Amino acid sequence: MAKSGSSQSVETDTEPVDRSHDTAAVDSDERKLMATLEGRSCPHCEGDGTLERGEYKGNAAVVCDGCETPRVQVWSPSGDD
């Protein structure tokens, strides 16, 4: 299935979520999601780490400062940068 040129995706854990609607709304949703998760305990390392905004494989992400597991990762499809 082809996606529109302005599509973006949000990945939570391992399941990607297609967010191919209005770009401004997507950016707002991304900021809200990242702000919501930032500062929480990492569920992967059972409370030893804290989730913080950062980068994972070149993408904006919320990553554990202890185990470095990304909990959310946001990217633009190739060619949309």
Protein backbone atom coordinates (compact mmCIF):
# COMPACT_ATOMS: atom_id res chain seq x y z
CA MET A 1 0.00 0.00 0.00
CA ALA A 2 1.48 3.37 -1.02
CA LYS A 3 1.67 6.17 1.52
CA SER A 4 1.29 9.85 0.79
CA GLY A 5 4.46 11.93 0.51
CA SER A 6 3.82 13.78 3.78
CA SER A 7 3.29 10.68 5.90
CA GLN A 8 5.12 10.13 9.15
CA SER A 9 5.19 7.16 11.47
CA VAL A 10 5.30 6.73 15.21
CA GLU A 11 6.64 3.48 16.62
CA THR A 12 5.72 2.35 20.11
CA ASP A 13 7.59 -0.70 21.36
CA THR A 14 7.65 -2.79 18.17
CA GLU A 15 4.36 -1.90 16.47
CA PRO A 16 4.53 1.02 13.99
CA VAL A 17 1.48 3.26 13.76
CA ASP A 18 0.70 4.94 10.42
CA ARG A 19 0.21 8.68 10.90
CA SER A 20 -0.28 9.80 7.28
CA HIS A 21 -2.71 12.64 7.99
CA ASP A 22 -2.12 16.39 8.49
CA THR A 23 1.59 17.07 9.15
CA ALA A 24 0.96 19.82 11.75
CA ALA A 25 -1.33 17.51 13.72
CA VAL A 26 1.25 14.72 13.54
CA ASP A 27 4.00 17.02 14.85
CA SER A 28 1.72 18.06 17.71
CA ASP A 29 0.84 14.43 18.49
CA GLU A 30 4.54 13.49 18.49
CA ARG A 31 5.42 16.28 20.93
CA LYS A 32 2.55 15.30 23.24
CA LEU A 33 3.50 11.62 23.18
CA MET A 34 7.16 12.34 23.88
CA ALA A 35 6.30 14.80 26.68
CA THR A 36 3.95 12.24 28.23
CA LEU A 37 6.63 9.53 28.36
CA GLU A 38 9.58 11.73 29.33
CA GLY A 39 10.55 11.25 32.98
CA ARG A 40 8.71 7.96 33.47
CA SER A 41 10.40 4.82 34.76
CA CYS A 42 11.53 2.42 32.07
CA PRO A 43 9.28 -0.66 31.96
CA HIS A 44 12.01 -2.63 30.15
CA CYS A 45 14.64 -2.44 32.89
CA GLU A 46 12.09 -2.52 35.74
CA GLY A 47 12.55 0.95 37.17
CA ASP A 48 16.34 1.23 37.03
CA GLY A 49 16.21 3.77 34.19
CA THR A 50 14.28 6.89 33.30
CA LEU A 51 12.83 7.71 29.89
CA GLU A 52 14.28 10.82 28.28
CA ARG A 53 14.07 12.52 24.91
CA GLY A 54 16.98 11.78 22.66
CA GLU A 55 17.88 10.15 19.41
CA TYR A 56 17.82 6.51 18.30
CA LYS A 57 19.36 5.51 14.97
CA GLY A 58 19.15 9.13 13.82
CA ASN A 59 15.46 9.53 14.71
CA ALA A 60 13.78 11.59 17.43
CA ALA A 61 12.99 9.19 20.25
CA VAL A 62 12.22 8.61 23.91
CA VAL A 63 14.99 6.34 25.19
CA CYS A 64 15.81 4.82 28.59
CA ASP A 65 18.90 6.43 30.14
CA GLY A 66 19.74 3.11 31.81
CA CYS A 67 19.29 0.33 29.24
CA GLU A 68 19.13 2.60 26.15
CA THR A 69 15.98 0.85 24.91
CA PRO A 70 13.87 3.14 22.72
CA ARG A 71 10.24 3.23 23.87
CA VAL A 72 9.07 5.57 21.07
CA GLN A 73 10.81 6.51 17.84
CA VAL A 74 9.59 9.01 15.25
CA TRP A 75 10.82 9.28 11.68
CA SER A 76 9.95 10.61 8.26
CA PRO A 77 9.97 8.22 5.32
CA SER A 78 13.03 8.45 3.04
CA GLY A 79 12.96 11.52 0.85
CA ASP A 80 10.66 13.54 3.14
CA ASP A 81 13.43 15.23 5.14
